[in-house]
Amino acid sequence: MTQKDQILFFFSTNPTMEYTPTDISKQFPKFAKSSVRRVLQELLADNKLIRETRGHYNINDEIIEKIYRKILKVGASCKKKQVLLYAVTFEFNDIDREDELLEELKSDFPECTLIIDDDTDLVRNVDNWGKQRTYKERGYASEVWDRSVKVDEFFTNIRTGRE
């Protein structure tokens, strides 16, 4: 995520206050103050920020960007156990990230054989209520997300796990 993306994300998740360049610099201590001023000027020029009062900035309410959650779920056989693996990331656009999510699963779970070419459903033995759970062998979704997201969860950061 670029400095510009991080600062815009900060404004989009904190839209109720006006911020000065000094306020922003305190939020991003690793950024040089001159970089913060440059990014603020670029965001003003792009019409993504507005100048509320002299030296105070806020997000342009008309352009609040949508956040998209991209998630891939894949059935797998891990040490002779059938499981459902998932990979998830967030972005400000609707670009298809299925291939990147799949590669991350392969990298994070080398001991597992992913079931991606099989036409049959993956059956997980039994859930907590004694019923068999059936998973489609693969599923990808990109959807608008309206809950909070941490900056370190945005693409290229991908979180993986098993259900």
N, C-alpha and C. Protein backbone atom coordinates (compact mmCIF):
# COMPACT_ATOMS: atom_id res chain seq x y z
N MET A 1 0.85 -1.17 0.00
CA MET A 1 0.00 0.00 0.00
C MET A 1 0.90 1.24 0.00
N THR A 2 0.66 2.16 -0.91
CA THR A 2 1.48 3.36 -1.01
C THR A 2 1.16 4.33 0.12
N GLN A 3 2.03 5.33 0.29
CA GLN A 3 1.76 6.36 1.29
C GLN A 3 0.43 7.05 0.98
N LYS A 4 0.19 7.30 -0.28
CA LYS A 4 -1.05 7.95 -0.69
C LYS A 4 -2.26 7.11 -0.30
N ASP A 5 -2.19 5.80 -0.56
CA ASP A 5 -3.29 4.90 -0.19
C ASP A 5 -3.50 4.86 1.32
N GLN A 6 -2.39 4.82 2.07
CA GLN A 6 -2.51 4.75 3.53
C GLN A 6 -3.13 6.01 4.11
N ILE A 7 -2.72 7.16 3.59
CA ILE A 7 -3.28 8.42 4.10
C ILE A 7 -4.75 8.54 3.70
N LEU A 8 -5.09 8.18 2.48
CA LEU A 8 -6.49 8.21 2.05
C LEU A 8 -7.32 7.24 2.89
N PHE A 9 -6.78 6.07 3.16
CA PHE A 9 -7.48 5.10 4.00
C PHE A 9 -7.72 5.68 5.39
N PHE A 10 -6.72 6.37 5.95
CA PHE A 10 -6.88 7.01 7.26
C PHE A 10 -8.04 8.00 7.22
N PHE A 11 -8.09 8.85 6.20
CA PHE A 11 -9.18 9.82 6.09
C PHE A 11 -10.53 9.12 5.92
N SER A 12 -10.57 8.04 5.13
CA SER A 12 -11.85 7.38 4.88
C SER A 12 -12.39 6.67 6.11
N THR A 13 -11.51 6.28 7.03
CA THR A 13 -11.97 5.61 8.25
C THR A 13 -12.13 6.58 9.42
N ASN A 14 -11.73 7.84 9.22
CA ASN A 14 -11.87 8.87 10.25
C ASN A 14 -12.44 10.15 9.63
N PRO A 15 -13.64 10.09 9.04
CA PRO A 15 -14.14 11.22 8.27
C PRO A 15 -14.77 12.35 9.09
N THR A 16 -14.88 12.20 10.39
CA THR A 16 -15.63 13.19 11.16
C THR A 16 -14.79 14.36 11.64
N MET A 17 -13.47 14.30 11.48
CA MET A 17 -12.61 15.37 11.96
C MET A 17 -11.83 15.98 10.82
N GLU A 18 -11.38 17.20 11.04
CA GLU A 18 -10.45 17.85 10.13
C GLU A 18 -9.04 17.59 10.66
N TYR A 19 -8.09 17.42 9.74
CA TYR A 19 -6.73 17.11 10.15
C TYR A 19 -5.75 18.07 9.49
N THR A 20 -4.72 18.43 10.26
CA THR A 20 -3.65 19.25 9.71
C THR A 20 -2.53 18.31 9.26
N PRO A 21 -1.59 18.79 8.46
CA PRO A 21 -0.44 17.95 8.09
C PRO A 21 0.30 17.41 9.32
N THR A 22 0.36 18.20 10.38
CA THR A 22 1.02 17.74 11.61
C THR A 22 0.26 16.58 12.23
N ASP A 23 -1.08 16.65 12.24
CA ASP A 23 -1.89 15.54 12.76
C ASP A 23 -1.62 14.26 11.97
N ILE A 24 -1.56 14.39 10.66
CA ILE A 24 -1.31 13.23 9.80
C ILE A 24 0.09 12.68 10.05
N SER A 25 1.07 13.56 10.19
CA SER A 25 2.45 13.12 10.45
C SER A 25 2.54 12.32 11.74
N LYS A 26 1.75 12.70 12.74
CA LYS A 26 1.75 11.95 14.00
C LYS A 26 1.16 10.56 13.82
N GLN A 27 0.19 10.42 12.89
CA GLN A 27 -0.42 9.11 12.62
C GLN A 27 0.53 8.19 11.86
N PHE A 28 1.45 8.79 11.10
CA PHE A 28 2.38 8.02 10.26
C PHE A 28 3.81 8.47 10.56
N PRO A 29 4.35 8.10 11.72
CA PRO A 29 5.67 8.59 12.11
C PRO A 29 6.80 8.13 11.19
N LYS A 30 6.59 7.09 10.40
CA LYS A 30 7.64 6.62 9.49
C LYS A 30 7.71 7.46 8.22
N PHE A 31 6.67 8.27 7.95
CA PHE A 31 6.65 9.12 6.76
C PHE A 31 7.34 10.44 7.08
N ALA A 32 8.17 10.93 6.17
CA ALA A 32 8.76 12.25 6.32
C ALA A 32 7.65 13.30 6.25
N LYS A 33 7.78 14.38 7.03
CA LYS A 33 6.74 15.41 7.02
C LYS A 33 6.57 16.01 5.64
N SER A 34 7.67 16.13 4.90
CA SER A 34 7.57 16.66 3.53
C SER A 34 6.78 15.71 2.64
N SER A 35 6.89 14.40 2.87
CA SER A 35 6.11 13.41 2.10
C SER A 35 4.63 13.54 2.41
N VAL A 36 4.30 13.76 3.67
CA VAL A 36 2.89 13.91 4.06
C VAL A 36 2.31 15.13 3.37
N ARG A 37 3.04 16.25 3.37
CA ARG A 37 2.54 17.46 2.71
C ARG A 37 2.36 17.22 1.21
N ARG A 38 3.32 16.53 0.59
CA ARG A 38 3.24 16.25 -0.84
C ARG A 38 2.01 15.39 -1.15
N VAL A 39 1.80 14.33 -0.35
CA VAL A 39 0.66 13.43 -0.56
C VAL A 39 -0.65 14.18 -0.37
N LEU A 40 -0.73 15.04 0.65
CA LEU A 40 -1.94 15.82 0.87
C LEU A 40 -2.24 16.71 -0.34
N GLN A 41 -1.20 17.32 -0.91
CA GLN A 41 -1.40 18.16 -2.10
C GLN A 41 -1.86 17.32 -3.30
N GLU A 42 -1.31 16.12 -3.44
CA GLU A 42 -1.74 15.23 -4.53
C GLU A 42 -3.20 14.82 -4.35
N LEU A 43 -3.59 14.50 -3.13
CA LEU A 43 -4.98 14.11 -2.87
C LEU A 43 -5.94 15.28 -3.08
N LEU A 44 -5.49 16.50 -2.76
CA LEU A 44 -6.30 17.68 -3.06
C LEU A 44 -6.47 17.84 -4.57
N ALA A 45 -5.37 17.69 -5.31
CA ALA A 45 -5.41 17.82 -6.76
C ALA A 45 -6.29 16.75 -7.40
N ASP A 46 -6.31 15.56 -6.82
CA ASP A 46 -7.14 14.46 -7.33
C ASP A 46 -8.60 14.58 -6.89
N ASN A 47 -8.91 15.63 -6.11
CA ASN A 47 -10.25 15.87 -5.60
C ASN A 47 -10.71 14.80 -4.60
N LYS A 48 -9.76 14.13 -3.96
CA LYS A 48 -10.11 13.12 -2.97
C LYS A 48 -10.17 13.71 -1.57
N LEU A 49 -9.48 14.83 -1.38
CA LEU A 49 -9.57 15.58 -0.12
C LEU A 49 -10.09 16.97 -0.43
N ILE A 50 -10.65 17.59 0.61
CA ILE A 50 -11.05 18.99 0.49
C ILE A 50 -10.39 19.75 1.63
N ARG A 51 -10.19 21.04 1.40
CA ARG A 51 -9.62 21.90 2.44
C ARG A 51 -10.81 22.51 3.18
N GLU A 52 -11.00 22.10 4.44
CA GLU A 52 -12.14 22.60 5.23
C GLU A 52 -11.90 24.05 5.63
N THR A 53 -10.81 24.29 6.30
CA THR A 53 -10.37 25.63 6.67
C THR A 53 -8.89 25.69 6.38
N ARG A 54 -8.31 26.84 6.52
CA ARG A 54 -6.90 26.99 6.19
C ARG A 54 -6.05 25.98 6.98
N GLY A 55 -5.37 25.10 6.24
CA GLY A 55 -4.48 24.13 6.88
C GLY A 55 -5.17 22.90 7.44
N HIS A 56 -6.47 22.78 7.26
CA HIS A 56 -7.21 21.63 7.77
C HIS A 56 -7.86 20.89 6.60
N TYR A 57 -7.68 19.57 6.57
CA TYR A 57 -8.15 18.76 5.46
C TYR A 57 -9.15 17.72 5.94
N ASN A 58 -10.00 17.29 5.01
CA ASN A 58 -10.94 16.21 5.28
C ASN A 58 -11.21 15.49 3.97
N ILE A 59 -11.77 14.31 4.06
CA ILE A 59 -12.06 13.54 2.85
C ILE A 59 -13.23 14.18 2.12
N ASN A 60 -13.19 14.13 0.82
CA ASN A 60 -14.29 14.60 -0.01
C ASN A 60 -15.39 13.54 0.09
N ASP A 61 -16.50 13.85 0.73
CA ASP A 61 -17.57 12.88 0.97
C ASP A 61 -18.10 12.25 -0.30
N GLU A 62 -17.95 12.93 -1.42
CA GLU A 62 -18.48 12.41 -2.67
C GLU A 62 -17.65 11.25 -3.23
N ILE A 63 -16.43 11.07 -2.74
CA ILE A 63 -15.57 10.04 -3.34
C ILE A 63 -15.16 8.95 -2.37
N ILE A 64 -15.82 8.84 -1.23
CA ILE A 64 -15.42 7.80 -0.30
C ILE A 64 -15.38 6.48 -1.04
N GLU A 65 -14.21 5.88 -1.05
CA GLU A 65 -14.00 4.68 -1.85
C GLU A 65 -14.60 3.46 -1.17
N LYS A 66 -15.10 2.57 -1.99
CA LYS A 66 -15.62 1.31 -1.48
C LYS A 66 -14.44 0.39 -1.18
N ILE A 67 -14.61 -0.39 -0.15
CA ILE A 67 -13.61 -1.41 0.19
C ILE A 67 -14.19 -2.75 -0.24
N TYR A 68 -13.40 -3.53 -0.95
CA TYR A 68 -13.83 -4.84 -1.41
C TYR A 68 -13.08 -5.92 -0.65
N ARG A 69 -13.82 -6.90 -0.17
CA ARG A 69 -13.21 -8.08 0.42
C ARG A 69 -13.14 -9.13 -0.67
N LYS A 70 -11.95 -9.72 -0.84
CA LYS A 70 -11.76 -10.82 -1.78
C LYS A 70 -11.43 -12.05 -0.95
N ILE A 71 -12.20 -13.10 -1.15
CA ILE A 71 -12.00 -14.31 -0.35
C ILE A 71 -12.08 -15.53 -1.26
N LEU A 72 -11.19 -16.48 -1.00
CA LEU A 72 -11.18 -17.75 -1.72
C LEU A 72 -11.24 -18.86 -0.69
N LYS A 73 -12.16 -19.81 -0.90
CA LYS A 73 -12.24 -20.99 -0.05
C LYS A 73 -12.01 -22.20 -0.93
N VAL A 74 -11.16 -23.10 -0.46
CA VAL A 74 -10.78 -24.28 -1.24
C VAL A 74 -10.76 -25.48 -0.32
N GLY A 75 -11.37 -26.57 -0.77
CA GLY A 75 -11.29 -27.83 -0.05
C GLY A 75 -9.89 -28.40 -0.20
N ALA A 76 -9.41 -29.08 0.83
CA ALA A 76 -8.06 -29.64 0.79
C ALA A 76 -7.99 -30.90 1.64
N SER A 77 -6.99 -31.71 1.32
CA SER A 77 -6.69 -32.88 2.12
C SER A 77 -5.35 -32.61 2.81
N CYS A 78 -5.40 -32.48 4.14
CA CYS A 78 -4.20 -32.17 4.92
C CYS A 78 -3.95 -33.31 5.91
N LYS A 79 -2.89 -34.04 5.67
CA LYS A 79 -2.54 -35.17 6.53
C LYS A 79 -3.73 -36.11 6.70
N LYS A 80 -4.36 -36.44 5.59
CA LYS A 80 -5.49 -37.37 5.51
C LYS A 80 -6.76 -36.84 6.16
N LYS A 81 -6.81 -35.54 6.48
CA LYS A 81 -8.03 -34.92 6.98
C LYS A 81 -8.53 -33.96 5.94
N GLN A 82 -9.84 -33.98 5.70
CA GLN A 82 -10.42 -33.04 4.76
C GLN A 82 -10.76 -31.75 5.50
N VAL A 83 -10.28 -30.64 4.98
CA VAL A 83 -10.49 -29.35 5.61
C VAL A 83 -10.87 -28.32 4.54
N LEU A 84 -11.32 -27.18 5.01
CA LEU A 84 -11.61 -26.05 4.13
C LEU A 84 -10.61 -24.95 4.46
N LEU A 85 -9.80 -24.56 3.47
CA LEU A 85 -8.83 -23.50 3.63
C LEU A 85 -9.40 -22.21 3.05
N TYR A 86 -8.95 -21.08 3.60
CA TYR A 86 -9.41 -19.81 3.04
C TYR A 86 -8.25 -18.82 2.97
N ALA A 87 -8.36 -17.89 2.04
CA ALA A 87 -7.43 -16.78 1.90
C ALA A 87 -8.27 -15.53 1.69
N VAL A 88 -7.92 -14.44 2.38
CA VAL A 88 -8.72 -13.22 2.30
C VAL A 88 -7.81 -12.00 2.23
N THR A 89 -8.24 -11.00 1.48
CA THR A 89 -7.56 -9.72 1.40
C THR A 89 -8.59 -8.64 1.10
N PHE A 90 -8.18 -7.38 1.22
CA PHE A 90 -9.07 -6.24 0.97
C PHE A 90 -8.40 -5.28 0.00
N GLU A 91 -9.23 -4.56 -0.79
CA GLU A 91 -8.72 -3.56 -1.73
C GLU A 91 -9.77 -2.49 -1.96
N PHE A 92 -9.34 -1.39 -2.59
CA PHE A 92 -10.26 -0.33 -2.96
C PHE A 92 -10.85 -0.55 -4.34
N ASN A 93 -10.53 -1.65 -5.01
CA ASN A 93 -11.06 -1.90 -6.35
C ASN A 93 -11.55 -3.33 -6.44
N ASP A 94 -12.21 -3.65 -7.55
CA ASP A 94 -12.82 -4.96 -7.72
C ASP A 94 -11.99 -5.87 -8.63
N ILE A 95 -10.68 -5.70 -8.64
CA ILE A 95 -9.80 -6.54 -9.46
C ILE A 95 -9.84 -7.98 -8.94
N ASP A 96 -9.92 -8.94 -9.84
CA ASP A 96 -9.96 -10.36 -9.48
C ASP A 96 -8.60 -10.77 -8.90
N ARG A 97 -8.59 -11.28 -7.69
CA ARG A 97 -7.35 -11.71 -7.02
C ARG A 97 -7.35 -13.21 -6.74
N GLU A 98 -8.19 -13.97 -7.44
CA GLU A 98 -8.30 -15.40 -7.17
C GLU A 98 -6.96 -16.12 -7.31
N ASP A 99 -6.21 -15.81 -8.37
CA ASP A 99 -4.93 -16.49 -8.58
C ASP A 99 -3.94 -16.20 -7.46
N GLU A 100 -3.87 -14.94 -7.02
CA GLU A 100 -2.95 -14.58 -5.94
C GLU A 100 -3.35 -15.26 -4.63
N LEU A 101 -4.64 -15.33 -4.37
CA LEU A 101 -5.11 -15.99 -3.15
C LEU A 101 -4.79 -17.48 -3.18
N LEU A 102 -4.96 -18.09 -4.34
CA LEU A 102 -4.66 -19.52 -4.49
C LEU A 102 -3.17 -19.79 -4.28
N GLU A 103 -2.32 -18.94 -4.85
CA GLU A 103 -0.87 -19.11 -4.68
C GLU A 103 -0.47 -18.96 -3.21
N GLU A 104 -1.11 -18.05 -2.50
CA GLU A 104 -0.81 -17.87 -1.07
C GLU A 104 -1.21 -19.11 -0.27
N LEU A 105 -2.34 -19.73 -0.62
CA LEU A 105 -2.76 -20.96 0.06
C LEU A 105 -1.74 -22.07 -0.19
N LYS A 106 -1.31 -22.21 -1.44
CA LYS A 106 -0.31 -23.25 -1.76
C LYS A 106 0.97 -23.02 -0.99
N SER A 107 1.36 -21.75 -0.85
CA SER A 107 2.59 -21.41 -0.14
C SER A 107 2.46 -21.65 1.37
N ASP A 108 1.33 -21.27 1.95
CA ASP A 108 1.15 -21.38 3.40
C ASP A 108 0.80 -22.78 3.88
N PHE A 109 0.27 -23.63 2.98
CA PHE A 109 -0.13 -24.98 3.35
C PHE A 109 0.51 -26.01 2.41
N PRO A 110 1.85 -26.12 2.41
CA PRO A 110 2.50 -27.05 1.47
C PRO A 110 2.19 -28.51 1.78
N GLU A 111 1.78 -28.81 3.02
CA GLU A 111 1.47 -30.18 3.40
C GLU A 111 0.08 -30.62 2.92
N CYS A 112 -0.68 -29.70 2.36
CA CYS A 112 -2.04 -29.99 1.93
C CYS A 112 -2.12 -30.14 0.42
N THR A 113 -3.01 -31.04 0.00
CA THR A 113 -3.32 -31.18 -1.41
C THR A 113 -4.64 -30.47 -1.64
N LEU A 114 -4.60 -29.41 -2.44
CA LEU A 114 -5.80 -28.64 -2.70
C LEU A 114 -6.69 -29.40 -3.68
N ILE A 115 -7.97 -29.44 -3.41
CA ILE A 115 -8.93 -30.10 -4.29
C ILE A 115 -9.56 -29.01 -5.15
N ILE A 116 -8.95 -28.78 -6.33
CA ILE A 116 -9.44 -27.70 -7.17
C ILE A 116 -9.90 -28.17 -8.54
N ASP A 117 -9.54 -29.39 -8.93
CA ASP A 117 -9.93 -29.88 -10.24
C ASP A 117 -11.00 -30.95 -10.16
N ASP A 118 -11.46 -31.26 -8.97
CA ASP A 118 -12.40 -32.34 -8.75
C ASP A 118 -13.83 -31.82 -8.91
N ASP A 119 -14.66 -32.55 -9.61
CA ASP A 119 -16.05 -32.13 -9.80
C ASP A 119 -16.93 -32.46 -8.59
N THR A 120 -16.44 -33.30 -7.71
CA THR A 120 -17.26 -33.69 -6.57
C THR A 120 -17.11 -32.70 -5.44
N ASP A 121 -18.09 -32.69 -4.55
CA ASP A 121 -18.02 -31.83 -3.38
C ASP A 121 -17.11 -32.47 -2.34
N LEU A 122 -16.53 -31.62 -1.53
CA LEU A 122 -15.69 -32.10 -0.43
C LEU A 122 -16.59 -32.28 0.78
N VAL A 123 -16.58 -33.45 1.35
CA VAL A 123 -17.42 -33.72 2.53
C VAL A 123 -16.52 -33.73 3.76
N ARG A 124 -16.83 -32.85 4.67
CA ARG A 124 -16.12 -32.82 5.94
C ARG A 124 -16.86 -33.79 6.85
N ASN A 125 -16.14 -34.57 7.60
CA ASN A 125 -16.75 -35.67 8.33
C ASN A 125 -18.05 -35.28 9.03
N VAL A 126 -17.99 -34.67 10.18
CA VAL A 126 -19.22 -34.36 10.92
C VAL A 126 -19.01 -33.04 11.65
N ASP A 127 -20.04 -32.19 11.67
CA ASP A 127 -19.93 -30.94 12.41
C ASP A 127 -20.37 -31.16 13.86
N ASN A 128 -20.49 -30.07 14.61
CA ASN A 128 -20.81 -30.17 16.04
C ASN A 128 -22.19 -30.75 16.32
N TRP A 129 -23.08 -30.75 15.32
CA TRP A 129 -24.44 -31.24 15.54
C TRP A 129 -24.65 -32.62 14.94
N GLY A 130 -23.59 -33.27 14.50
CA GLY A 130 -23.70 -34.62 13.96
C GLY A 130 -24.11 -34.67 12.50
N LYS A 131 -24.18 -33.52 11.82
CA LYS A 131 -24.56 -33.50 10.41
C LYS A 131 -23.31 -33.43 9.55
N GLN A 132 -23.40 -34.05 8.38
CA GLN A 132 -22.29 -33.93 7.45
C GLN A 132 -22.34 -32.54 6.81
N ARG A 133 -21.16 -31.93 6.66
CA ARG A 133 -21.07 -30.62 6.02
C ARG A 133 -20.44 -30.81 4.65
N THR A 134 -21.04 -30.23 3.65
CA THR A 134 -20.53 -30.36 2.29
C THR A 134 -20.04 -29.00 1.81
N TYR A 135 -18.83 -28.97 1.24
CA TYR A 135 -18.27 -27.75 0.70
C TYR A 135 -18.08 -27.89 -0.79
N LYS A 136 -18.40 -26.84 -1.51
CA LYS A 136 -18.05 -26.80 -2.92
C LYS A 136 -16.52 -26.84 -2.96
N GLU A 137 -15.96 -27.49 -3.98
CA GLU A 137 -14.52 -27.68 -3.98
C GLU A 137 -13.75 -26.37 -4.08
N ARG A 138 -14.40 -25.30 -4.57
CA ARG A 138 -13.70 -24.03 -4.68
C ARG A 138 -14.73 -22.91 -4.77
N GLY A 139 -14.46 -21.81 -4.10
CA GLY A 139 -15.35 -20.67 -4.19
C GLY A 139 -14.59 -19.38 -4.01
N TYR A 140 -14.83 -18.42 -4.88
CA TYR A 140 -14.19 -17.11 -4.81
C TYR A 140 -15.29 -16.06 -4.78
N ALA A 141 -15.11 -15.03 -3.94
CA ALA A 141 -16.08 -13.94 -3.89
C ALA A 141 -15.35 -12.62 -3.73
N SER A 142 -15.89 -11.62 -4.39
CA SER A 142 -15.44 -10.25 -4.21
C SER A 142 -16.69 -9.45 -3.89
N GLU A 143 -16.70 -8.82 -2.71
CA GLU A 143 -17.91 -8.14 -2.27
C GLU A 143 -17.56 -6.83 -1.59
N VAL A 144 -18.49 -5.88 -1.63
CA VAL A 144 -18.29 -4.61 -0.95
C VAL A 144 -18.34 -4.88 0.56
N TRP A 145 -17.37 -4.31 1.27
CA TRP A 145 -17.22 -4.55 2.70
C TRP A 145 -17.48 -3.26 3.44
N ASP A 146 -18.37 -3.28 4.43
CA ASP A 146 -18.71 -2.05 5.14
C ASP A 146 -18.28 -2.06 6.61
N ARG A 147 -17.52 -3.07 7.00
CA ARG A 147 -17.01 -3.11 8.36
C ARG A 147 -15.56 -2.62 8.39
N SER A 148 -15.00 -2.48 9.55
CA SER A 148 -13.65 -1.93 9.65
C SER A 148 -12.61 -2.92 9.13
N VAL A 149 -11.53 -2.36 8.62
CA VAL A 149 -10.42 -3.14 8.08
C VAL A 149 -9.13 -2.48 8.54
N LYS A 150 -8.17 -3.29 8.96
CA LYS A 150 -6.87 -2.75 9.35
C LYS A 150 -6.02 -2.53 8.10
N VAL A 151 -5.15 -1.54 8.15
CA VAL A 151 -4.31 -1.22 7.00
C VAL A 151 -3.48 -2.42 6.55
N ASP A 152 -3.01 -3.24 7.50
CA ASP A 152 -2.15 -4.37 7.13
C ASP A 152 -2.93 -5.57 6.57
N GLU A 153 -4.23 -5.42 6.34
CA GLU A 153 -5.03 -6.49 5.73
C GLU A 153 -5.30 -6.24 4.26
N PHE A 154 -4.76 -5.14 3.71
CA PHE A 154 -4.99 -4.81 2.31
C PHE A 154 -4.00 -5.55 1.43
N PHE A 155 -4.43 -5.81 0.19
CA PHE A 155 -3.56 -6.44 -0.79
C PHE A 155 -2.29 -5.61 -0.90
N THR A 156 -1.16 -6.13 -0.85
CA THR A 156 -0.69 -7.45 -1.12
C THR A 156 -0.65 -8.37 0.11
N ASN A 157 -1.09 -7.88 1.24
CA ASN A 157 -1.18 -8.73 2.42
C ASN A 157 -2.39 -9.64 2.28
N ILE A 158 -2.14 -10.94 2.44
CA ILE A 158 -3.21 -11.93 2.35
C ILE A 158 -3.19 -12.77 3.61
N ARG A 159 -4.33 -12.88 4.27
CA ARG A 159 -4.45 -13.70 5.48
C ARG A 159 -5.01 -15.05 5.09
N THR A 160 -4.43 -16.12 5.58
CA THR A 160 -4.91 -17.47 5.28
C THR A 160 -5.24 -18.20 6.57
N GLY A 161 -6.02 -19.27 6.44
CA GLY A 161 -6.36 -20.08 7.59
C GLY A 161 -7.20 -21.27 7.18
N ARG A 162 -7.66 -22.01 8.16
CA ARG A 162 -8.52 -23.17 7.90
C ARG A 162 -9.75 -23.08 8.79
N GLU A 163 -10.86 -23.54 8.22
CA GLU A 163 -12.12 -23.55 8.98
C GLU A 163 -12.31 -24.91 9.62
